[in-house]
Amino acid sequence: MRQAVQELIERYQHNLFVAAFQICKNQEDAEDVVQETFIQYHTTKKEYESEEHIRAWLLRVAINKAKNVSYTFWRRNKQPLEDYIETLTFESEESGELFETVLGLPEKYRIVIHLFYYEEYSVQEIAKVLKLSESNVKVRLLRGRKLLKDALKEEWEDDK
């Protein structure tokens, strides 16, 4: 099964951008990752089982490309995240603060939290996409939630 690239761009561009931004923490790099992901889809002659398979493949490629970008010397020596996060728009101030808190998590927790809550993937689907065991995904979700809870609790107590 293959779908037109334009259809996939319309359907998944935002999701891929958010996933890439979670890793890159930079708007321009995340946009580049999304573009490179769709280019790779277009040039790859792979056949897919279903639309879910295409979506999972796109997310996996975007995550891998974002990791590659974040490991480069040039990327590690760029301007701080705060300069770019101000350009993003959120539904409410709380969702913006939550997004920033999620960005502060270690990468292995941030990715599973993003896929589970923002992309609405199940534990089984996340395990497939990240090539992890389901129990590993559950542990990362549990630890990520605990870190989020602690971070949000600190912020809330600081605001009193």
Protein backbone atom coordinates (compact mmCIF):
# COMPACT_ATOMS: atom_id res chain seq x y z
CA MET A 1 0.00 0.00 0.00
CA ARG A 2 1.34 3.43 -0.99
CA GLN A 3 -0.33 6.78 -0.53
CA ALA A 4 0.28 10.11 -2.22
CA VAL A 5 2.88 12.18 -0.41
CA GLN A 6 0.65 15.26 -0.44
CA GLU A 7 -2.11 13.39 1.41
CA LEU A 8 0.36 12.21 4.03
CA ILE A 9 1.79 15.70 4.44
CA GLU A 10 -1.67 17.13 5.06
CA ARG A 11 -2.49 14.35 7.51
CA TYR A 12 0.76 13.92 9.47
CA GLN A 13 2.93 17.01 9.04
CA HIS A 14 1.94 18.54 12.37
CA ASN A 15 2.32 15.26 14.30
CA LEU A 16 5.78 14.65 12.85
CA PHE A 17 6.80 18.24 13.59
CA VAL A 18 5.79 17.96 17.25
CA ALA A 19 7.59 14.62 17.63
CA ALA A 20 10.73 16.04 16.00
CA PHE A 21 10.52 19.22 18.08
CA GLN A 22 10.38 17.14 21.26
CA ILE A 23 13.82 15.80 20.37
CA CYS A 24 15.46 18.68 18.48
CA LYS A 25 14.01 21.42 20.68
CA ASN A 26 14.37 23.71 17.69
CA GLN A 27 11.75 24.80 15.15
CA GLU A 28 13.99 24.93 12.09
CA ASP A 29 15.58 21.55 12.77
CA ALA A 30 12.17 19.98 13.39
CA GLU A 31 10.88 21.41 10.08
CA ASP A 32 13.93 20.01 8.28
CA VAL A 33 13.37 16.60 9.87
CA VAL A 34 9.74 16.56 8.70
CA GLN A 35 10.75 17.53 5.17
CA GLU A 36 13.49 14.89 5.06
CA THR A 37 11.06 12.27 6.36
CA PHE A 38 8.59 12.92 3.54
CA ILE A 39 11.40 12.95 1.00
CA GLN A 40 12.56 9.57 2.28
CA TYR A 41 8.99 8.24 2.04
CA HIS A 42 8.75 9.50 -1.54
CA THR A 43 12.08 7.97 -2.62
CA THR A 44 11.61 4.66 -0.81
CA LYS A 45 9.91 1.98 -2.86
CA LYS A 46 8.68 0.13 0.22
CA GLU A 47 5.15 -1.28 0.34
CA TYR A 48 3.20 -0.79 3.56
CA GLU A 49 0.60 -3.04 5.15
CA SER A 50 -1.84 -0.31 6.17
CA GLU A 51 -2.17 3.38 6.91
CA GLU A 52 -1.18 2.70 10.53
CA HIS A 53 1.99 1.06 9.25
CA ILE A 54 2.74 4.19 7.17
CA ARG A 55 2.08 6.45 10.17
CA ALA A 56 4.33 4.37 12.42
CA TRP A 57 7.06 4.29 9.77
CA LEU A 58 6.90 8.07 9.32
CA LEU A 59 7.13 8.65 13.08
CA ARG A 60 10.02 6.20 13.45
CA VAL A 61 11.96 7.87 10.61
CA ALA A 62 11.25 11.36 11.99
CA ILE A 63 12.38 10.34 15.48
CA ASN A 64 15.59 8.79 14.13
CA LYS A 65 16.35 11.81 11.95
CA ALA A 66 15.68 14.16 14.87
CA LYS A 67 18.07 12.18 17.06
CA ASN A 68 20.72 12.38 14.35
CA VAL A 69 20.27 16.15 14.13
CA SER A 70 20.49 16.59 17.89
CA TYR A 71 23.78 14.66 18.08
CA THR A 72 25.69 16.84 15.62
CA PHE A 73 28.36 19.20 16.95
CA TRP A 74 26.76 22.21 15.28
CA ARG A 75 23.37 21.41 16.83
CA ARG A 76 24.75 20.97 20.33
CA ASN A 77 26.32 24.44 20.15
CA LYS A 78 23.25 26.37 19.01
CA GLN A 79 21.10 29.01 20.68
CA PRO A 80 19.02 28.06 23.71
CA LEU A 81 15.56 26.51 23.57
CA GLU A 82 13.87 29.50 25.21
CA ASP A 83 14.39 31.59 22.06
CA TYR A 84 12.37 29.11 20.00
CA ILE A 85 9.68 27.99 22.41
CA GLU A 86 8.25 31.51 22.37
CA THR A 87 7.36 31.04 18.69
CA LEU A 88 5.03 28.10 19.42
CA THR A 89 1.34 28.61 20.11
CA PHE A 90 -0.67 26.63 22.65
CA GLU A 91 -4.37 26.39 23.47
CA SER A 92 -3.78 27.61 27.00
CA GLU A 93 -0.95 28.79 29.20
CA GLU A 94 -1.11 25.53 31.16
CA SER A 95 -0.63 23.41 28.03
CA GLY A 96 2.41 25.52 27.11
CA GLU A 97 3.87 25.01 30.58
CA LEU A 98 3.16 21.28 30.39
CA PHE A 99 4.86 21.11 26.99
CA GLU A 100 7.94 22.85 28.42
CA THR A 101 7.97 20.46 31.37
CA VAL A 102 7.77 17.47 29.01
CA LEU A 103 10.69 18.94 27.05
CA GLY A 104 12.70 18.97 30.27
CA LEU A 105 12.39 15.20 30.66
CA PRO A 106 15.23 12.91 29.61
CA GLU A 107 14.83 11.87 25.97
CA LYS A 108 13.89 8.24 26.60
CA TYR A 109 10.93 9.31 28.75
CA ARG A 110 10.02 12.34 26.63
CA ILE A 111 9.56 10.23 23.49
CA VAL A 112 7.23 7.66 25.05
CA ILE A 113 5.24 10.37 26.85
CA HIS A 114 4.85 12.22 23.55
CA LEU A 115 3.78 9.14 21.58
CA PHE A 116 1.35 8.01 24.29
CA TYR A 117 -0.33 11.34 25.13
CA TYR A 118 0.15 13.57 22.09
CA GLU A 119 -0.01 10.94 19.33
CA GLU A 120 -2.39 8.62 21.24
CA TYR A 121 -0.41 5.47 20.52
CA SER A 122 -0.98 2.39 22.65
CA VAL A 123 1.83 0.75 24.60
CA GLN A 124 1.98 -2.03 22.01
CA GLU A 125 2.25 0.46 19.13
CA ILE A 126 4.96 2.46 20.91
CA ALA A 127 6.90 -0.75 21.53
CA LYS A 128 6.78 -1.53 17.80
CA VAL A 129 7.72 1.99 16.70
CA LEU A 130 10.64 2.29 19.12
CA LYS A 131 11.65 -1.38 18.87
CA LEU A 132 11.34 -1.87 22.63
CA SER A 133 9.54 -4.44 24.72
CA GLU A 134 6.08 -3.53 25.98
CA SER A 135 7.30 -3.79 29.57
CA ASN A 136 10.13 -1.35 28.79
CA VAL A 137 7.62 1.14 27.36
CA LYS A 138 5.42 0.76 30.46
CA VAL A 139 8.42 1.37 32.74
CA ARG A 140 9.42 4.46 30.76
CA LEU A 141 5.85 5.79 30.90
CA LEU A 142 5.70 5.18 34.65
CA ARG A 143 9.05 6.86 35.30
CA GLY A 144 8.26 9.71 32.90
CA ARG A 145 4.93 10.34 34.63
CA LYS A 146 6.65 10.35 38.01
CA LEU A 147 9.23 12.86 36.79
CA LEU A 148 6.44 15.01 35.33
CA LYS A 149 4.45 14.81 38.55
CA ASP A 150 7.47 15.82 40.62
CA ALA A 151 8.37 18.68 38.27
CA LEU A 152 4.81 19.99 38.12
CA LYS A 153 4.42 19.63 41.89
CA GLU A 154 7.58 21.72 42.41
CA GLU A 155 6.30 24.41 40.03
CA TRP A 156 2.93 24.46 41.76
CA GLU A 157 4.51 24.72 45.22
CA ASP A 158 6.82 27.51 43.99
CA ASP A 159 3.82 29.50 42.78
CA LYS A 160 2.18 29.52 46.24
